[in-house]
N, C-alpha and C. Protein backbone atom coordinates (compact mmCIF):
# COMPACT_ATOMS: atom_id res chain seq x y z
N MET A 1 4.90 3.43 -7.66
CA MET A 1 4.45 3.60 -6.01
C MET A 1 5.48 2.88 -5.44
N LEU A 2 6.42 1.91 -5.70
CA LEU A 2 7.34 1.15 -4.40
C LEU A 2 8.44 2.00 -4.43
N LYS A 3 8.82 3.23 -5.80
CA LYS A 3 10.01 4.01 -5.37
C LYS A 3 9.21 5.20 -5.12
N ASN A 4 8.14 5.36 -4.80
CA ASN A 4 7.53 6.86 -3.98
C ASN A 4 7.97 6.29 -2.26
N ILE A 5 7.65 4.83 -2.01
CA ILE A 5 7.77 4.56 -0.74
C ILE A 5 8.90 4.41 -0.37
N MET A 6 10.18 3.70 -1.33
CA MET A 6 11.43 4.11 -0.99
C MET A 6 12.14 5.49 -0.87
N VAL A 7 11.36 6.16 -1.82
CA VAL A 7 12.18 7.62 -1.38
C VAL A 7 11.74 8.02 -0.03
N ALA A 8 10.38 7.89 0.18
CA ALA A 8 9.49 8.58 1.58
C ALA A 8 10.72 7.77 2.62
N ILE A 9 10.96 6.61 2.54
CA ILE A 9 11.63 5.60 3.25
C ILE A 9 13.19 6.07 3.43
N GLY A 10 13.77 6.40 2.41
CA GLY A 10 15.41 7.46 2.49
C GLY A 10 14.97 8.80 3.38
N VAL A 11 13.95 9.57 3.32
CA VAL A 11 13.31 10.41 3.62
C VAL A 11 13.60 10.40 4.99
N ILE A 12 12.03 9.38 5.66
CA ILE A 12 12.52 9.11 6.74
C ILE A 12 13.47 9.03 7.29
N LEU A 13 14.32 7.89 7.07
CA LEU A 13 15.52 7.60 7.80
C LEU A 13 16.46 8.56 8.20
N GLY A 14 16.98 9.58 6.92
CA GLY A 14 17.33 10.77 7.12
C GLY A 14 16.59 11.78 8.13
N ILE A 15 15.58 11.67 8.52
CA ILE A 15 14.92 12.42 9.63
C ILE A 15 14.68 12.12 10.99
N PHE A 16 14.90 10.76 10.88
CA PHE A 16 14.98 9.87 12.32
C PHE A 16 16.40 10.24 12.89
N PHE A 17 17.35 10.25 11.73
CA PHE A 17 18.87 10.36 12.94
C PHE A 17 18.72 11.90 13.47
N ILE A 18 18.22 12.97 12.37
CA ILE A 18 18.18 14.08 13.21
C ILE A 18 17.65 14.09 14.88
N GLY A 19 16.50 13.59 15.17
CA GLY A 19 15.72 13.37 15.94
C GLY A 19 16.27 12.33 17.26
N ILE A 20 17.24 11.61 17.03
CA ILE A 20 17.78 10.56 17.70
C ILE A 20 17.22 11.26 19.25
N LEU A 21 18.27 12.09 19.70
CA LEU A 21 18.35 12.74 20.69
C LEU A 21 17.03 13.39 21.58
N PHE A 22 15.91 13.40 20.38
CA PHE A 22 14.86 14.15 21.13
C PHE A 22 13.83 13.78 21.50
N SER A 23 13.81 12.41 21.19
CA SER A 23 12.72 11.87 21.03
C SER A 23 12.64 10.81 22.75
N ASP A 24 11.41 10.72 22.99
CA ASP A 24 10.91 10.15 24.19
C ASP A 24 9.61 9.80 24.54
N THR A 25 9.45 9.13 23.08
CA THR A 25 7.52 8.75 22.85
C THR A 25 7.97 7.19 23.07
N PRO A 26 7.09 6.88 24.05
CA PRO A 26 6.99 5.06 24.35
C PRO A 26 6.87 4.34 23.19
N GLU A 27 7.55 2.91 23.36
CA GLU A 27 7.25 2.30 22.11
C GLU A 27 6.20 1.49 22.48
N GLU A 28 5.68 0.98 21.27
CA GLU A 28 4.59 0.36 21.03
C GLU A 28 5.37 -1.12 20.48
N LYS A 29 4.36 -2.27 21.08
CA LYS A 29 4.42 -3.64 20.87
C LYS A 29 4.67 -4.00 19.28
N PRO A 30 6.02 -4.40 19.34
CA PRO A 30 6.38 -4.40 17.46
C PRO A 30 5.64 -5.74 16.98
N ILE A 31 5.29 -5.66 15.32
CA ILE A 31 5.25 -6.87 14.61
C ILE A 31 6.24 -8.08 14.52
N VAL A 32 5.74 -9.00 14.78
CA VAL A 32 6.72 -10.00 14.67
C VAL A 32 7.20 -10.59 12.96
N VAL A 33 8.15 -10.12 12.42
CA VAL A 33 8.40 -10.22 11.41
C VAL A 33 9.09 -12.13 11.46
N GLN A 34 8.99 -13.06 10.11
CA GLN A 34 10.07 -13.69 9.72
C GLN A 34 11.55 -13.17 9.12
N ILE A 35 12.38 -13.40 10.01
CA ILE A 35 13.44 -12.97 9.29
C ILE A 35 14.60 -14.25 8.60
N PRO A 36 15.33 -13.61 7.39
CA PRO A 36 16.06 -14.71 6.60
C PRO A 36 16.81 -15.60 7.38
N TYR A 37 17.50 -14.29 8.29
CA TYR A 37 19.34 -14.64 8.88
C TYR A 37 19.63 -14.11 9.79
N GLN A 38 20.29 -14.23 10.73
CA GLN A 38 20.84 -13.17 11.91
C GLN A 38 22.01 -12.83 11.79
N VAL A 39 22.49 -11.50 11.43
CA VAL A 39 23.95 -10.77 11.00
C VAL A 39 24.34 -10.74 12.13
N ASN A 40 23.64 -9.91 13.47
CA ASN A 40 24.11 -9.32 14.49
C ASN A 40 23.85 -9.95 15.55
N ASP A 41 23.95 -9.72 16.84
CA ASP A 41 23.54 -10.44 18.11
C ASP A 41 22.95 -9.27 19.18
N ASN A 42 22.58 -9.62 20.27
CA ASN A 42 21.67 -8.64 21.16
C ASN A 42 22.82 -7.43 21.30
N SER A 43 23.89 -7.52 21.17
CA SER A 43 24.97 -6.63 21.80
C SER A 43 24.86 -5.35 20.88
N ASP A 44 24.37 -5.55 19.65
CA ASP A 44 24.54 -4.94 17.91
C ASP A 44 23.01 -4.38 17.97
N SER A 45 21.84 -4.36 18.84
CA SER A 45 20.98 -4.41 18.35
C SER A 45 20.53 -2.85 18.43
N LEU A 46 19.43 -2.38 17.24
CA LEU A 46 18.90 -1.27 16.76
C LEU A 46 17.84 -0.67 17.89
N LYS A 47 17.72 -1.54 18.98
CA LYS A 47 16.48 -0.91 19.80
C LYS A 47 16.74 0.85 20.30
N ALA A 48 17.74 1.03 20.30
CA ALA A 48 18.15 2.54 20.68
C ALA A 48 17.69 3.42 19.45
N PHE A 49 17.69 3.22 18.27
CA PHE A 49 16.67 4.01 17.06
C PHE A 49 15.68 3.71 16.74
N LYS A 50 14.75 2.65 17.68
CA LYS A 50 13.95 2.47 17.08
C LYS A 50 12.26 3.83 17.17
N SER A 51 12.50 4.20 18.62
CA SER A 51 11.49 5.17 18.99
C SER A 51 11.90 6.55 17.33
N ASN A 52 12.77 6.74 17.25
CA ASN A 52 12.90 7.95 16.19
C ASN A 52 12.70 7.20 14.52
N TYR A 53 12.57 6.10 14.61
CA TYR A 53 12.44 5.47 13.59
C TYR A 53 11.07 5.42 13.16
N MET A 54 10.64 4.89 14.41
CA MET A 54 8.81 4.50 14.01
C MET A 54 8.49 6.29 13.83
N ASN A 55 8.46 7.28 14.71
CA ASN A 55 7.88 8.47 14.63
C ASN A 55 8.39 8.99 13.14
N ALA A 56 9.54 8.84 12.74
CA ALA A 56 9.63 9.69 11.41
C ALA A 56 8.86 8.17 10.13
N CYS A 57 9.02 7.03 10.15
CA CYS A 57 8.41 6.15 9.54
C CYS A 57 7.15 6.86 9.68
N ASN A 58 6.47 6.92 10.79
CA ASN A 58 5.02 7.55 10.59
C ASN A 58 4.46 8.73 10.19
N GLU A 59 5.06 9.79 10.14
CA GLU A 59 5.15 11.14 9.63
C GLU A 59 4.00 11.13 8.68
N TYR A 60 4.04 10.24 7.67
CA TYR A 60 3.35 10.70 6.14
C TYR A 60 1.90 9.64 6.62
N GLY A 61 1.41 9.30 7.63
CA GLY A 61 0.39 8.91 7.84
C GLY A 61 0.59 7.44 8.84
N ASP A 62 -0.44 6.76 9.04
CA ASP A 62 -0.60 5.61 10.39
C ASP A 62 -0.54 4.20 9.76
N ILE A 63 1.11 3.95 9.35
CA ILE A 63 1.14 3.00 9.03
C ILE A 63 2.57 1.94 9.87
N TYR A 64 1.87 2.46 11.10
CA TYR A 64 2.73 1.53 12.12
C TYR A 64 3.19 0.35 11.95
N SER A 65 2.15 -0.85 11.84
CA SER A 65 2.62 -2.05 11.12
C SER A 65 4.19 -2.42 10.15
N TYR A 66 3.52 -1.50 9.11
CA TYR A 66 4.40 -1.81 8.28
C TYR A 66 5.79 -1.20 8.87
N CYS A 67 6.16 0.35 9.23
CA CYS A 67 7.30 0.61 9.93
C CYS A 67 7.74 -0.36 10.90
N SER A 68 6.87 -0.88 11.86
CA SER A 68 7.37 -1.97 12.74
C SER A 68 8.39 -3.05 12.22
N CYS A 69 7.82 -3.77 11.03
CA CYS A 69 8.01 -4.72 10.22
C CYS A 69 9.45 -4.19 9.81
N THR A 70 9.53 -3.11 9.14
CA THR A 70 10.67 -3.13 8.64
C THR A 70 11.73 -2.48 9.58
N PHE A 71 11.39 -2.06 10.70
CA PHE A 71 12.37 -2.03 11.61
C PHE A 71 12.87 -3.42 12.20
N GLU A 72 11.87 -4.26 12.34
CA GLU A 72 12.53 -5.45 12.66
C GLU A 72 13.32 -5.91 11.80
N TYR A 73 12.92 -6.14 10.57
CA TYR A 73 13.48 -6.90 9.60
C TYR A 73 15.31 -6.22 9.60
N LEU A 74 15.40 -4.61 9.87
CA LEU A 74 16.49 -3.99 9.87
C LEU A 74 17.45 -4.26 10.83
N ASP A 75 16.88 -4.37 12.02
CA ASP A 75 17.48 -4.81 13.27
C ASP A 75 18.19 -6.52 13.40
N ALA A 76 17.11 -6.74 12.76
CA ALA A 76 17.73 -8.71 12.93
C ALA A 76 18.64 -8.42 11.85
N THR A 77 19.14 -7.78 10.58
CA THR A 77 19.84 -8.16 9.53
C THR A 77 21.11 -7.29 9.11
N VAL A 78 20.73 -6.06 9.71
CA VAL A 78 22.38 -5.32 9.96
C VAL A 78 22.73 -4.73 11.46
N THR A 79 23.94 -4.37 11.29
CA THR A 79 24.76 -3.97 12.79
C THR A 79 24.26 -2.47 12.38
N ASN A 80 24.57 -1.99 13.51
CA ASN A 80 24.54 -0.70 14.24
C ASN A 80 25.08 0.28 13.25
N LYS A 81 26.48 -0.08 13.19
CA LYS A 81 27.10 0.53 11.81
C LYS A 81 27.15 0.75 10.30
N ARG A 82 25.88 -0.54 9.58
CA ARG A 82 25.68 -0.54 8.63
C ARG A 82 24.41 0.10 8.36
N PHE A 83 23.54 0.20 9.68
CA PHE A 83 22.65 1.08 9.79
C PHE A 83 22.54 2.49 9.56
N ILE A 84 23.54 2.96 10.30
CA ILE A 84 23.70 4.47 10.18
C ILE A 84 24.81 4.75 8.60
N GLU A 85 25.59 3.99 7.67
CA GLU A 85 25.92 3.99 6.49
C GLU A 85 24.95 4.06 5.38
N MET A 86 23.98 3.16 5.98
CA MET A 86 22.67 3.00 5.05
C MET A 86 22.27 3.99 4.82
N ASP A 87 22.05 5.43 6.04
CA ASP A 87 21.55 6.50 6.16
C ASP A 87 21.87 7.49 5.25
N ARG A 88 23.65 7.64 4.96
CA ARG A 88 23.95 7.89 4.59
C ARG A 88 24.04 7.94 2.70
N GLU A 89 24.07 6.96 2.49
CA GLU A 89 23.63 5.90 1.32
C GLU A 89 22.88 6.11 0.22
N ILE A 90 21.37 6.60 1.18
CA ILE A 90 20.41 6.91 0.65
C ILE A 90 20.05 8.56 -0.18
N THR A 91 19.82 8.16 -1.25
CA THR A 91 19.05 9.30 -2.35
C THR A 91 17.97 8.86 -2.76
N ALA A 92 17.43 10.15 -3.66
CA ALA A 92 16.38 9.94 -4.31
C ALA A 92 16.27 8.64 -5.54
N ASP A 93 17.86 8.44 -5.37
CA ASP A 93 17.72 7.52 -6.82
C ASP A 93 18.14 5.88 -6.31
N PHE A 94 19.20 6.09 -4.84
CA PHE A 94 19.52 5.02 -4.81
C PHE A 94 18.54 4.28 -3.55
N MET A 95 18.35 3.16 -2.83
CA MET A 95 18.15 2.74 -1.83
C MET A 95 18.98 1.42 -1.52
N PRO A 96 19.58 1.46 0.15
CA PRO A 96 20.79 0.31 -0.25
C PRO A 96 19.67 -1.22 -0.12
N SER A 97 20.42 -2.21 -0.76
CA SER A 97 20.11 -3.31 -0.67
C SER A 97 19.08 -3.89 0.71
N GLU A 98 19.94 -3.69 1.84
CA GLU A 98 19.40 -4.04 3.05
C GLU A 98 17.81 -3.39 3.12
N MET A 99 17.90 -2.12 2.86
CA MET A 99 16.35 -1.58 3.04
C MET A 99 15.33 -1.66 1.80
N THR A 100 15.86 -2.00 0.60
CA THR A 100 15.25 -2.71 -0.32
C THR A 100 14.44 -4.09 -0.14
N ASP A 101 15.01 -5.16 1.05
CA ASP A 101 14.93 -6.31 1.38
C ASP A 101 13.88 -6.08 2.46
N ALA A 102 14.03 -5.25 2.81
CA ALA A 102 13.33 -5.05 4.23
C ALA A 102 11.98 -3.93 3.94
N ILE A 103 12.01 -3.64 2.85
CA ILE A 103 10.91 -2.81 2.30
C ILE A 103 9.96 -4.01 1.34
N ASP A 104 10.36 -5.00 0.85
CA ASP A 104 9.73 -6.05 0.15
C ASP A 104 9.20 -6.89 1.01
N ALA A 105 10.02 -7.40 1.95
CA ALA A 105 9.35 -8.30 3.42
C ALA A 105 8.21 -7.56 3.80
N CYS A 106 8.09 -6.14 3.82
CA CYS A 106 6.74 -5.63 4.42
C CYS A 106 5.73 -4.96 3.77
N LEU A 107 6.33 -4.67 2.78
CA LEU A 107 5.46 -4.54 1.78
C LEU A 107 3.73 -4.78 1.50
N TYR A 108 3.45 -6.19 2.10
CA TYR A 108 2.38 -6.06 2.08
C TYR A 108 1.05 -5.94 3.12
N LEU A 109 1.81 -5.30 3.93
CA LEU A 109 1.50 -4.15 4.93
C LEU A 109 0.89 -2.71 4.91
N VAL A 110 0.95 -2.51 4.04
CA VAL A 110 0.94 -1.49 3.69
C VAL A 110 -0.26 -1.28 1.89
N GLU A 111 -1.73 -0.84 2.40
CA GLU A 111 -2.65 -1.06 1.38
C GLU A 111 -3.53 -0.02 1.47
């Protein structure tokens, strides 16, 4: 099941990058997530990607809490540049460690 979720997240990340320029969906209030450390500062926030990420993540069901949790985790732990690099690295057989960390931190929200 975890591999299926990881593959779905990989597909979702790829899809949401395509729609970055075409989304105007209002943002919902995010879930507060405890983050292990802060890599980037406010000038390197992923907030510009949030709407597309959330739309793509929720494409396969209503898992808003899980999607919000993984986004907030990534926003606090990776830079914009790394976030975009991760999208290129994701395959059916490989998930970047930052994404697996986000999945592990938020998996409890999917049941």
